[in-house]
């Protein structure tokens, strides 16, 4: 097993859309409810700081492997996809050092059911983080994945898959990131 520390930096705004359920106040309008509760869409630690869930990076990398479908040299038509899906872990939340109350909101007219092109639209407010930079820890369990292969997939994941809502994989352009540095075999 190799531990990898990747320093990543945003290349576009990043937004979170965590599911939440907060009771509506008596006689509260939908707009007032949204204005009062939208920050609940953020992932926040016990100190009140925003973090990126580790599975966002795990899924991003696995989706990049599927998207790229790079063949493993000497293995015929076999690709790296299953090796990234099962052989790479990201288990630590990625703290951004941003206070939950400092995150601005962006009001958007979106489908009420959350499905693109779906029926009635309503105004919702989503958290917008314009810039972030963080060290992300990965555990590469599969020896098939070399440093060069990992780095290539991570770079492409940042360009074409992304994290958060409105990312490239979901027909958007937010959530893209750049790979600043990869430390392979970190302690």
N, C-alpha and C. Protein backbone atom coordinates (compact mmCIF):
# COMPACT_ATOMS: atom_id res chain seq x y z
N UNK A 1 0.84 -1.19 0.00
CA UNK A 1 0.00 0.00 0.00
C UNK A 1 0.88 1.24 0.00
N UNK A 2 0.49 2.22 -0.80
CA UNK A 2 1.19 3.49 -0.86
C UNK A 2 0.26 4.59 -0.36
N UNK A 3 0.81 5.47 0.46
CA UNK A 3 0.06 6.65 0.85
C UNK A 3 0.48 7.77 -0.09
N UNK A 4 -0.51 8.49 -0.59
CA UNK A 4 -0.26 9.58 -1.52
C UNK A 4 -0.89 10.85 -0.97
N UNK A 5 -0.12 11.93 -0.97
CA UNK A 5 -0.65 13.24 -0.60
C UNK A 5 -0.64 14.08 -1.86
N UNK A 6 -1.82 14.47 -2.31
CA UNK A 6 -1.95 15.30 -3.50
C UNK A 6 -2.37 16.70 -3.09
N UNK A 7 -1.59 17.69 -3.48
CA UNK A 7 -1.97 19.07 -3.24
C UNK A 7 -2.81 19.51 -4.44
N UNK A 8 -4.06 19.85 -4.15
CA UNK A 8 -5.01 20.23 -5.19
C UNK A 8 -5.47 21.66 -4.99
N UNK A 9 -5.75 22.34 -6.07
CA UNK A 9 -6.21 23.73 -6.01
C UNK A 9 -7.35 23.92 -6.99
N UNK A 10 -8.36 24.67 -6.56
CA UNK A 10 -9.53 24.88 -7.41
C UNK A 10 -9.16 25.59 -8.70
N UNK A 11 -9.84 25.20 -9.78
CA UNK A 11 -9.70 25.85 -11.08
C UNK A 11 -11.02 26.49 -11.48
N UNK A 12 -12.02 26.34 -10.62
CA UNK A 12 -13.36 26.90 -10.84
C UNK A 12 -14.05 26.94 -9.47
N UNK A 13 -15.14 27.69 -9.34
CA UNK A 13 -15.88 27.67 -8.07
C UNK A 13 -16.31 26.24 -7.72
N UNK A 14 -16.55 26.03 -6.44
CA UNK A 14 -16.97 24.73 -5.94
C UNK A 14 -18.23 24.94 -5.11
N UNK A 15 -19.22 24.09 -5.31
CA UNK A 15 -20.46 24.19 -4.55
C UNK A 15 -20.86 22.86 -3.96
N UNK A 16 -21.45 22.92 -2.78
CA UNK A 16 -21.93 21.71 -2.13
C UNK A 16 -23.45 21.69 -2.13
N UNK A 17 -24.01 20.50 -2.15
CA UNK A 17 -25.47 20.37 -2.15
C UNK A 17 -25.90 19.18 -1.29
N UNK A 18 -25.33 19.13 -0.08
CA UNK A 18 -25.66 18.05 0.85
C UNK A 18 -27.16 18.05 1.14
N UNK A 19 -27.76 16.86 1.21
CA UNK A 19 -29.18 16.77 1.57
C UNK A 19 -29.35 17.14 3.04
N UNK A 20 -30.41 17.86 3.34
CA UNK A 20 -30.71 18.19 4.74
C UNK A 20 -32.22 18.27 4.92
N UNK A 21 -32.63 18.13 6.15
CA UNK A 21 -34.05 18.26 6.49
C UNK A 21 -34.15 19.10 7.75
N UNK A 22 -34.72 20.27 7.63
CA UNK A 22 -34.94 21.18 8.74
C UNK A 22 -36.43 21.53 8.72
N UNK A 23 -37.05 21.48 9.88
CA UNK A 23 -38.48 21.77 9.95
C UNK A 23 -38.76 23.22 9.57
N UNK A 24 -39.84 23.40 8.87
CA UNK A 24 -40.27 24.73 8.47
C UNK A 24 -40.98 25.39 9.66
N UNK A 25 -40.73 26.67 9.83
CA UNK A 25 -41.39 27.41 10.91
C UNK A 25 -42.84 27.68 10.53
N UNK A 26 -43.65 27.91 11.54
CA UNK A 26 -45.07 28.18 11.30
C UNK A 26 -45.22 29.45 10.46
N UNK A 27 -45.99 29.38 9.40
CA UNK A 27 -46.27 30.49 8.47
C UNK A 27 -45.03 30.99 7.72
N UNK A 28 -43.99 30.17 7.66
CA UNK A 28 -42.78 30.55 6.94
C UNK A 28 -42.95 30.27 5.45
N UNK A 29 -42.63 31.25 4.62
CA UNK A 29 -42.73 31.07 3.17
C UNK A 29 -41.58 30.18 2.69
N UNK A 30 -41.73 29.63 1.48
CA UNK A 30 -40.67 28.80 0.91
C UNK A 30 -39.38 29.60 0.76
N UNK A 31 -39.49 30.85 0.32
CA UNK A 31 -38.31 31.70 0.13
C UNK A 31 -37.62 31.99 1.47
N UNK A 32 -38.41 32.28 2.50
CA UNK A 32 -37.83 32.54 3.82
C UNK A 32 -37.17 31.28 4.40
N UNK A 33 -37.79 30.13 4.17
CA UNK A 33 -37.21 28.87 4.61
C UNK A 33 -35.86 28.64 3.94
N UNK A 34 -35.81 28.85 2.63
CA UNK A 34 -34.58 28.66 1.89
C UNK A 34 -33.50 29.63 2.36
N UNK A 35 -33.87 30.88 2.58
CA UNK A 35 -32.92 31.90 3.05
C UNK A 35 -32.37 31.55 4.44
N UNK A 36 -33.19 30.91 5.27
CA UNK A 36 -32.78 30.56 6.63
C UNK A 36 -31.93 29.29 6.68
N UNK A 37 -32.14 28.37 5.76
CA UNK A 37 -31.55 27.03 5.90
C UNK A 37 -30.49 26.64 4.87
N UNK A 38 -30.24 27.44 3.84
CA UNK A 38 -29.39 26.99 2.73
C UNK A 38 -27.99 26.58 3.15
N UNK A 39 -27.44 27.15 4.22
CA UNK A 39 -26.08 26.77 4.64
C UNK A 39 -26.01 25.32 5.14
N UNK A 40 -27.16 24.71 5.38
CA UNK A 40 -27.18 23.30 5.75
C UNK A 40 -26.72 22.40 4.60
N UNK A 41 -26.61 22.95 3.40
CA UNK A 41 -26.11 22.17 2.26
C UNK A 41 -24.60 21.96 2.35
N UNK A 42 -23.94 22.70 3.22
CA UNK A 42 -22.50 22.57 3.39
C UNK A 42 -22.15 21.39 4.31
N UNK A 43 -20.99 20.79 4.06
CA UNK A 43 -20.44 19.79 4.96
C UNK A 43 -19.57 20.57 5.95
N UNK A 44 -19.90 20.47 7.23
CA UNK A 44 -19.23 21.28 8.25
C UNK A 44 -18.76 20.39 9.40
N UNK A 45 -17.53 20.64 9.87
CA UNK A 45 -16.99 19.87 10.98
C UNK A 45 -17.43 20.46 12.33
N UNK A 46 -16.95 19.86 13.41
CA UNK A 46 -17.35 20.29 14.77
C UNK A 46 -16.86 21.69 15.12
N UNK A 47 -15.87 22.22 14.38
CA UNK A 47 -15.38 23.58 14.62
C UNK A 47 -16.14 24.62 13.80
N UNK A 48 -17.08 24.16 12.99
CA UNK A 48 -17.84 25.07 12.15
C UNK A 48 -17.14 25.43 10.86
N UNK A 49 -16.16 24.60 10.44
CA UNK A 49 -15.43 24.84 9.21
C UNK A 49 -15.86 23.87 8.12
N UNK A 50 -15.88 24.36 6.90
CA UNK A 50 -16.32 23.57 5.75
C UNK A 50 -15.26 22.54 5.37
N UNK A 51 -15.72 21.34 5.02
CA UNK A 51 -14.81 20.31 4.51
C UNK A 51 -15.41 19.66 3.27
N UNK A 52 -14.53 19.06 2.48
CA UNK A 52 -14.96 18.28 1.32
C UNK A 52 -14.96 16.82 1.76
N UNK A 53 -16.07 16.11 1.58
CA UNK A 53 -16.12 14.69 1.97
C UNK A 53 -15.09 13.88 1.18
N UNK A 54 -14.41 12.95 1.84
CA UNK A 54 -13.38 12.17 1.14
C UNK A 54 -13.92 11.37 -0.04
N UNK A 55 -15.16 10.94 0.05
CA UNK A 55 -15.73 10.14 -1.05
C UNK A 55 -15.90 10.96 -2.32
N UNK A 56 -15.92 12.29 -2.22
CA UNK A 56 -16.00 13.13 -3.42
C UNK A 56 -14.77 12.88 -4.29
N UNK A 57 -13.59 12.79 -3.64
CA UNK A 57 -12.36 12.56 -4.40
C UNK A 57 -12.24 11.10 -4.85
N UNK A 58 -12.67 10.18 -4.01
CA UNK A 58 -12.65 8.75 -4.36
C UNK A 58 -13.51 8.52 -5.61
N UNK A 59 -14.74 9.03 -5.59
CA UNK A 59 -15.64 8.84 -6.74
C UNK A 59 -15.14 9.59 -7.97
N UNK A 60 -14.59 10.77 -7.77
CA UNK A 60 -14.05 11.56 -8.88
C UNK A 60 -12.96 10.78 -9.61
N UNK A 61 -12.06 10.19 -8.84
CA UNK A 61 -10.96 9.42 -9.41
C UNK A 61 -11.46 8.15 -10.11
N UNK A 62 -12.40 7.45 -9.50
CA UNK A 62 -12.96 6.24 -10.10
C UNK A 62 -13.71 6.57 -11.40
N UNK A 63 -14.45 7.68 -11.39
CA UNK A 63 -15.17 8.08 -12.61
C UNK A 63 -14.19 8.49 -13.71
N UNK A 64 -13.07 9.09 -13.32
CA UNK A 64 -12.04 9.45 -14.31
C UNK A 64 -11.46 8.19 -14.96
N UNK A 65 -11.23 7.16 -14.16
CA UNK A 65 -10.69 5.91 -14.71
C UNK A 65 -11.67 5.31 -15.71
N UNK A 66 -12.95 5.37 -15.38
CA UNK A 66 -13.96 4.84 -16.30
C UNK A 66 -14.03 5.72 -17.55
N UNK A 67 -13.98 7.02 -17.38
CA UNK A 67 -14.04 7.96 -18.49
C UNK A 67 -12.85 7.77 -19.44
N UNK A 68 -11.65 7.63 -18.87
CA UNK A 68 -10.45 7.50 -19.69
C UNK A 68 -10.33 6.12 -20.34
N UNK A 69 -10.73 5.09 -19.61
CA UNK A 69 -10.66 3.69 -20.09
C UNK A 69 -9.27 3.35 -20.64
N UNK A 70 -8.24 3.76 -19.92
CA UNK A 70 -6.86 3.47 -20.33
C UNK A 70 -6.59 1.97 -20.15
N UNK A 71 -6.00 1.36 -21.17
CA UNK A 71 -5.68 -0.07 -21.10
C UNK A 71 -4.39 -0.27 -20.31
N UNK A 72 -4.35 -1.36 -19.54
CA UNK A 72 -3.17 -1.72 -18.78
C UNK A 72 -2.20 -2.42 -19.72
N UNK A 73 -0.96 -1.91 -19.83
CA UNK A 73 0.01 -2.53 -20.73
C UNK A 73 0.22 -4.02 -20.38
N UNK A 74 0.16 -4.86 -21.40
CA UNK A 74 0.39 -6.28 -21.23
C UNK A 74 -0.82 -7.05 -20.73
N UNK A 75 -1.98 -6.39 -20.57
CA UNK A 75 -3.18 -7.06 -20.05
C UNK A 75 -4.31 -7.08 -21.07
N UNK A 76 -3.97 -7.02 -22.34
CA UNK A 76 -5.00 -7.08 -23.39
C UNK A 76 -5.91 -5.87 -23.36
N UNK A 77 -7.21 -6.13 -23.24
CA UNK A 77 -8.18 -5.03 -23.24
C UNK A 77 -8.54 -4.56 -21.84
N UNK A 78 -7.93 -5.13 -20.82
CA UNK A 78 -8.25 -4.76 -19.43
C UNK A 78 -7.85 -3.31 -19.18
N UNK A 79 -8.75 -2.55 -18.53
CA UNK A 79 -8.48 -1.15 -18.21
C UNK A 79 -8.23 -0.98 -16.71
N UNK A 80 -7.85 0.23 -16.32
CA UNK A 80 -7.57 0.54 -14.91
C UNK A 80 -8.84 0.76 -14.08
N UNK A 81 -10.00 0.80 -14.71
CA UNK A 81 -11.23 1.18 -14.02
C UNK A 81 -11.44 0.42 -12.71
N UNK A 82 -11.47 -0.90 -12.75
CA UNK A 82 -11.75 -1.68 -11.53
C UNK A 82 -10.64 -1.52 -10.49
N UNK A 83 -9.44 -1.23 -10.94
CA UNK A 83 -8.32 -1.05 -10.02
C UNK A 83 -8.48 0.26 -9.23
N UNK A 84 -8.99 1.30 -9.88
CA UNK A 84 -9.26 2.56 -9.17
C UNK A 84 -10.51 2.45 -8.30
N UNK A 85 -11.51 1.73 -8.78
CA UNK A 85 -12.75 1.59 -8.01
C UNK A 85 -12.51 0.85 -6.70
N UNK A 86 -11.74 -0.23 -6.74
CA UNK A 86 -11.53 -1.05 -5.54
C UNK A 86 -10.19 -0.82 -4.87
N UNK A 87 -9.21 -0.30 -5.58
CA UNK A 87 -7.85 -0.24 -5.06
C UNK A 87 -7.35 1.11 -4.60
N UNK A 88 -8.24 2.11 -4.56
CA UNK A 88 -7.85 3.43 -4.07
C UNK A 88 -8.87 3.89 -3.03
N UNK A 89 -8.37 4.37 -1.91
CA UNK A 89 -9.24 4.89 -0.85
C UNK A 89 -8.86 6.33 -0.55
N UNK A 90 -9.85 7.09 -0.15
CA UNK A 90 -9.65 8.44 0.36
C UNK A 90 -10.55 8.50 1.59
N UNK A 91 -9.97 8.51 2.78
CA UNK A 91 -10.77 8.33 3.99
C UNK A 91 -10.86 9.56 4.90
N UNK A 92 -10.02 10.56 4.66
CA UNK A 92 -9.99 11.73 5.55
C UNK A 92 -10.73 12.91 4.95
N UNK A 93 -11.64 13.52 5.72
CA UNK A 93 -12.29 14.75 5.23
C UNK A 93 -11.22 15.80 4.92
N UNK A 94 -11.48 16.58 3.89
CA UNK A 94 -10.51 17.58 3.45
C UNK A 94 -10.95 18.96 3.93
N UNK A 95 -10.36 19.39 5.04
CA UNK A 95 -10.70 20.68 5.62
C UNK A 95 -10.27 21.83 4.75
N UNK A 96 -11.15 22.82 4.61
CA UNK A 96 -10.83 23.98 3.79
C UNK A 96 -10.46 25.20 4.62
N UNK A 97 -10.65 25.12 5.95
CA UNK A 97 -10.33 26.26 6.80
C UNK A 97 -11.24 27.46 6.58
N UNK A 98 -12.43 27.21 6.07
CA UNK A 98 -13.40 28.28 5.80
C UNK A 98 -14.55 28.15 6.80
N UNK A 99 -14.84 29.23 7.50
CA UNK A 99 -15.95 29.25 8.45
C UNK A 99 -17.27 29.17 7.69
N UNK A 100 -18.19 28.37 8.19
CA UNK A 100 -19.48 28.15 7.52
C UNK A 100 -20.20 29.47 7.26
N UNK A 101 -20.09 30.43 8.18
CA UNK A 101 -20.80 31.71 8.02
C UNK A 101 -20.14 32.64 7.00
N UNK A 102 -18.93 32.31 6.56
CA UNK A 102 -18.22 33.15 5.58
C UNK A 102 -18.52 32.74 4.14
N UNK A 103 -19.25 31.65 3.96
CA UNK A 103 -19.54 31.16 2.61
C UNK A 103 -20.74 31.90 2.03
N UNK A 104 -20.56 32.54 0.87
CA UNK A 104 -21.69 33.22 0.24
C UNK A 104 -22.62 32.24 -0.46
N UNK A 105 -23.84 32.68 -0.67
CA UNK A 105 -24.82 31.86 -1.36
C UNK A 105 -25.07 32.36 -2.77
N UNK A 106 -25.46 31.45 -3.63
CA UNK A 106 -25.80 31.78 -5.01
C UNK A 106 -27.22 31.29 -5.27
N UNK A 107 -28.12 32.23 -5.57
CA UNK A 107 -29.51 31.87 -5.83
C UNK A 107 -29.66 31.42 -7.28
N UNK A 108 -30.26 30.24 -7.46
CA UNK A 108 -30.45 29.67 -8.79
C UNK A 108 -31.90 29.22 -8.96
N UNK A 109 -32.39 29.28 -10.18
CA UNK A 109 -33.72 28.80 -10.54
C UNK A 109 -33.54 27.37 -11.02
N UNK A 110 -33.89 26.39 -10.20
CA UNK A 110 -33.60 24.98 -10.48
C UNK A 110 -34.87 24.14 -10.43
N UNK A 111 -34.84 22.97 -11.10
CA UNK A 111 -36.01 22.08 -11.04
C UNK A 111 -36.32 21.65 -9.60
N UNK A 112 -37.56 21.71 -9.22
CA UNK A 112 -37.98 21.37 -7.86
C UNK A 112 -37.65 19.93 -7.49
N UNK A 113 -37.68 19.02 -8.47
CA UNK A 113 -37.41 17.61 -8.18
C UNK A 113 -35.93 17.25 -8.31
N UNK A 114 -35.08 18.24 -8.67
CA UNK A 114 -33.65 18.00 -8.76
C UNK A 114 -33.19 17.33 -10.05
N UNK A 115 -34.12 17.03 -10.95
CA UNK A 115 -33.78 16.38 -12.21
C UNK A 115 -33.63 17.42 -13.31
N UNK A 116 -32.48 17.45 -14.01
CA UNK A 116 -32.31 18.41 -15.09
C UNK A 116 -33.43 18.31 -16.11
N UNK A 117 -34.03 19.45 -16.44
CA UNK A 117 -35.13 19.47 -17.39
C UNK A 117 -36.45 19.03 -16.78
N UNK A 118 -36.45 18.75 -15.48
CA UNK A 118 -37.65 18.25 -14.82
C UNK A 118 -38.61 19.34 -14.40
N UNK A 119 -39.81 19.26 -14.85
CA UNK A 119 -40.97 20.05 -14.44
C UNK A 119 -40.77 21.44 -13.86
N UNK A 120 -41.48 21.68 -12.78
CA UNK A 120 -41.54 22.98 -12.12
C UNK A 120 -40.17 23.39 -11.57
N UNK A 121 -39.86 24.68 -11.71
CA UNK A 121 -38.61 25.20 -11.17
C UNK A 121 -38.87 26.11 -9.98
N UNK A 122 -37.93 26.15 -9.06
CA UNK A 122 -38.03 26.97 -7.85
C UNK A 122 -36.68 27.65 -7.58
N UNK A 123 -36.69 28.69 -6.78
CA UNK A 123 -35.45 29.37 -6.39
C UNK A 123 -34.84 28.63 -5.20
N UNK A 124 -33.55 28.31 -5.33
CA UNK A 124 -32.79 27.67 -4.25
C UNK A 124 -31.47 28.40 -4.12
N UNK A 125 -30.93 28.38 -2.94
CA UNK A 125 -29.65 29.02 -2.69
C UNK A 125 -28.60 27.95 -2.42
N UNK A 126 -27.48 28.04 -3.13
CA UNK A 126 -26.41 27.06 -2.98
C UNK A 126 -25.12 27.74 -2.53
N UNK A 127 -24.37 27.07 -1.65
CA UNK A 127 -23.08 27.62 -1.20
C UNK A 127 -22.10 27.70 -2.36
N UNK A 128 -21.34 28.79 -2.40
CA UNK A 128 -20.35 28.99 -3.46
C UNK A 128 -19.00 29.27 -2.82
N UNK A 129 -18.04 28.40 -3.09
CA UNK A 129 -16.67 28.58 -2.61
C UNK A 129 -15.84 28.88 -3.85
N UNK A 130 -15.35 30.10 -3.93
CA UNK A 130 -14.64 30.53 -5.13
C UNK A 130 -13.24 29.96 -5.24
N UNK A 131 -12.58 29.75 -4.12
CA UNK A 131 -11.21 29.25 -4.18
C UNK A 131 -10.92 28.35 -2.99
N UNK A 132 -10.21 27.26 -3.24
CA UNK A 132 -9.74 26.38 -2.17
C UNK A 132 -8.43 25.74 -2.61
N UNK A 133 -7.65 25.36 -1.66
CA UNK A 133 -6.40 24.62 -1.89
C UNK A 133 -6.24 23.71 -0.69
N UNK A 134 -5.91 22.45 -0.94
CA UNK A 134 -5.81 21.50 0.17
C UNK A 134 -4.95 20.32 -0.20
N UNK A 135 -4.43 19.66 0.84
CA UNK A 135 -3.72 18.39 0.68
C UNK A 135 -4.74 17.27 0.90
N UNK A 136 -4.84 16.40 -0.09
CA UNK A 136 -5.79 15.29 -0.05
C UNK A 136 -5.01 13.99 0.08
N UNK A 137 -5.37 13.17 1.09
CA UNK A 137 -4.68 11.89 1.32
C UNK A 137 -5.40 10.75 0.62
N UNK A 138 -4.65 9.99 -0.14
CA UNK A 138 -5.16 8.79 -0.80
C UNK A 138 -4.35 7.60 -0.33
N UNK A 139 -4.97 6.43 -0.34
CA UNK A 139 -4.28 5.17 -0.06
C UNK A 139 -4.44 4.31 -1.32
N UNK A 140 -3.32 4.01 -1.96
CA UNK A 140 -3.35 3.19 -3.17
C UNK A 140 -2.99 1.77 -2.76
N UNK A 141 -3.99 0.91 -2.77
CA UNK A 141 -3.84 -0.48 -2.32
C UNK A 141 -3.44 -1.41 -3.47
N UNK A 142 -3.76 -1.03 -4.68
CA UNK A 142 -3.55 -1.88 -5.85
C UNK A 142 -2.21 -1.55 -6.50
N UNK A 143 -1.32 -2.54 -6.55
CA UNK A 143 0.03 -2.34 -7.10
C UNK A 143 0.01 -2.06 -8.61
N UNK A 144 -1.10 -2.34 -9.27
CA UNK A 144 -1.22 -2.07 -10.70
C UNK A 144 -1.15 -0.56 -10.98
N UNK A 145 -1.56 0.22 -10.00
CA UNK A 145 -1.59 1.68 -10.15
C UNK A 145 -0.24 2.25 -9.73
N UNK A 146 0.48 2.76 -10.73
CA UNK A 146 1.79 3.37 -10.47
C UNK A 146 1.61 4.86 -10.21
N UNK A 147 2.69 5.50 -9.80
CA UNK A 147 2.65 6.95 -9.56
C UNK A 147 2.23 7.69 -10.84
N UNK A 148 2.80 7.32 -11.97
CA UNK A 148 2.49 8.00 -13.24
C UNK A 148 1.02 7.81 -13.61
N UNK A 149 0.51 6.59 -13.44
CA UNK A 149 -0.88 6.30 -13.77
C UNK A 149 -1.82 7.05 -12.83
N UNK A 150 -1.50 7.03 -11.54
CA UNK A 150 -2.32 7.75 -10.55
C UNK A 150 -2.36 9.24 -10.87
N UNK A 151 -1.19 9.82 -11.11
CA UNK A 151 -1.10 11.25 -11.37
C UNK A 151 -1.87 11.63 -12.63
N UNK A 152 -1.72 10.84 -13.69
CA UNK A 152 -2.45 11.12 -14.93
C UNK A 152 -3.96 11.11 -14.69
N UNK A 153 -4.44 10.10 -13.98
CA UNK A 153 -5.87 9.99 -13.73
C UNK A 153 -6.37 11.13 -12.84
N UNK A 154 -5.57 11.54 -11.87
CA UNK A 154 -5.97 12.64 -10.99
C UNK A 154 -6.04 13.95 -11.76
N UNK A 155 -5.08 14.19 -12.63
CA UNK A 155 -5.08 15.41 -13.46
C UNK A 155 -6.34 15.45 -14.34
N UNK A 156 -6.63 14.33 -14.98
CA UNK A 156 -7.81 14.27 -15.85
C UNK A 156 -9.10 14.35 -15.04
N UNK A 157 -9.11 13.81 -13.83
CA UNK A 157 -10.29 13.89 -12.96
C UNK A 157 -10.61 15.35 -12.64
N UNK A 158 -9.58 16.13 -12.39
CA UNK A 158 -9.77 17.55 -12.11
C UNK A 158 -10.30 18.33 -13.29
N UNK A 159 -9.94 17.92 -14.49
CA UNK A 159 -10.39 18.61 -15.70
C UNK A 159 -11.80 18.21 -16.14
N UNK A 160 -12.06 16.89 -16.15
CA UNK A 160 -13.26 16.39 -16.81
C UNK A 160 -14.35 15.82 -15.89
N UNK A 161 -14.04 15.56 -14.64
CA UNK A 161 -15.02 14.98 -13.73
C UNK A 161 -15.43 16.00 -12.66
N UNK A 162 -14.48 16.47 -11.87
CA UNK A 162 -14.75 17.49 -10.85
C UNK A 162 -15.43 16.94 -9.61
N UNK A 163 -15.68 17.85 -8.67
CA UNK A 163 -16.35 17.52 -7.40
C UNK A 163 -17.47 18.53 -7.15
N UNK A 164 -18.40 18.16 -6.28
CA UNK A 164 -19.49 19.06 -5.91
C UNK A 164 -20.60 19.07 -6.95
N UNK A 165 -21.53 20.01 -6.74
CA UNK A 165 -22.64 20.10 -7.69
C UNK A 165 -22.21 20.93 -8.90
N UNK A 166 -22.86 20.76 -10.00
CA UNK A 166 -22.60 21.45 -11.26
C UNK A 166 -21.18 21.19 -11.77
N UNK A 167 -20.68 19.98 -11.50
CA UNK A 167 -19.35 19.59 -11.96
C UNK A 167 -19.43 19.12 -13.42
N UNK A 168 -18.29 19.06 -14.11
CA UNK A 168 -18.30 18.65 -15.52
C UNK A 168 -18.99 17.31 -15.77
N UNK A 169 -18.81 16.35 -14.89
CA UNK A 169 -19.41 15.02 -15.06
C UNK A 169 -20.94 15.11 -15.07
N UNK A 170 -21.47 16.17 -14.44
CA UNK A 170 -22.92 16.35 -14.37
C UNK A 170 -23.36 17.55 -15.21
N UNK A 171 -22.73 17.74 -16.34
CA UNK A 171 -23.08 18.77 -17.31
C UNK A 171 -22.85 20.20 -16.81
N UNK A 172 -21.86 20.39 -15.96
CA UNK A 172 -21.56 21.73 -15.47
C UNK A 172 -20.11 22.09 -15.70
N UNK A 173 -19.64 23.12 -15.03
CA UNK A 173 -18.24 23.51 -15.16
C UNK A 173 -17.61 23.91 -13.84
N UNK A 174 -18.34 23.83 -12.75
CA UNK A 174 -17.78 24.08 -11.42
C UNK A 174 -17.05 22.83 -10.94
N UNK A 175 -16.35 22.95 -9.81
CA UNK A 175 -15.74 21.79 -9.15
C UNK A 175 -14.49 21.27 -9.80
N UNK A 176 -13.98 21.97 -10.83
CA UNK A 176 -12.74 21.53 -11.45
C UNK A 176 -11.56 21.92 -10.56
N UNK A 177 -10.49 21.14 -10.64
CA UNK A 177 -9.30 21.43 -9.84
C UNK A 177 -8.05 21.06 -10.60
N UNK A 178 -6.93 21.63 -10.14
CA UNK A 178 -5.63 21.35 -10.72
C UNK A 178 -4.76 20.62 -9.71
N UNK A 179 -3.90 19.78 -10.20
CA UNK A 179 -2.96 19.05 -9.35
C UNK A 179 -1.69 19.89 -9.26
N UNK A 180 -1.38 20.35 -8.05
CA UNK A 180 -0.21 21.18 -7.82
C UNK A 180 1.02 20.29 -7.59
N UNK A 181 0.81 19.23 -6.79
CA UNK A 181 1.92 18.35 -6.43
C UNK A 181 1.36 17.00 -6.00
N UNK A 182 2.12 15.95 -6.27
CA UNK A 182 1.77 14.59 -5.81
C UNK A 182 2.98 14.03 -5.07
N UNK A 183 2.78 13.70 -3.81
CA UNK A 183 3.85 13.09 -3.01
C UNK A 183 3.50 11.60 -2.85
N UNK A 184 4.23 10.77 -3.57
CA UNK A 184 3.98 9.33 -3.61
C UNK A 184 4.76 8.66 -2.48
N UNK A 185 4.10 7.78 -1.74
CA UNK A 185 4.76 7.08 -0.65
C UNK A 185 4.97 7.96 0.57
N UNK A 186 4.04 8.89 0.79
CA UNK A 186 4.14 9.80 1.94
C UNK A 186 4.00 9.04 3.24
N UNK A 187 4.54 9.59 4.28
CA UNK A 187 4.45 8.96 5.62
C UNK A 187 3.21 9.42 6.32
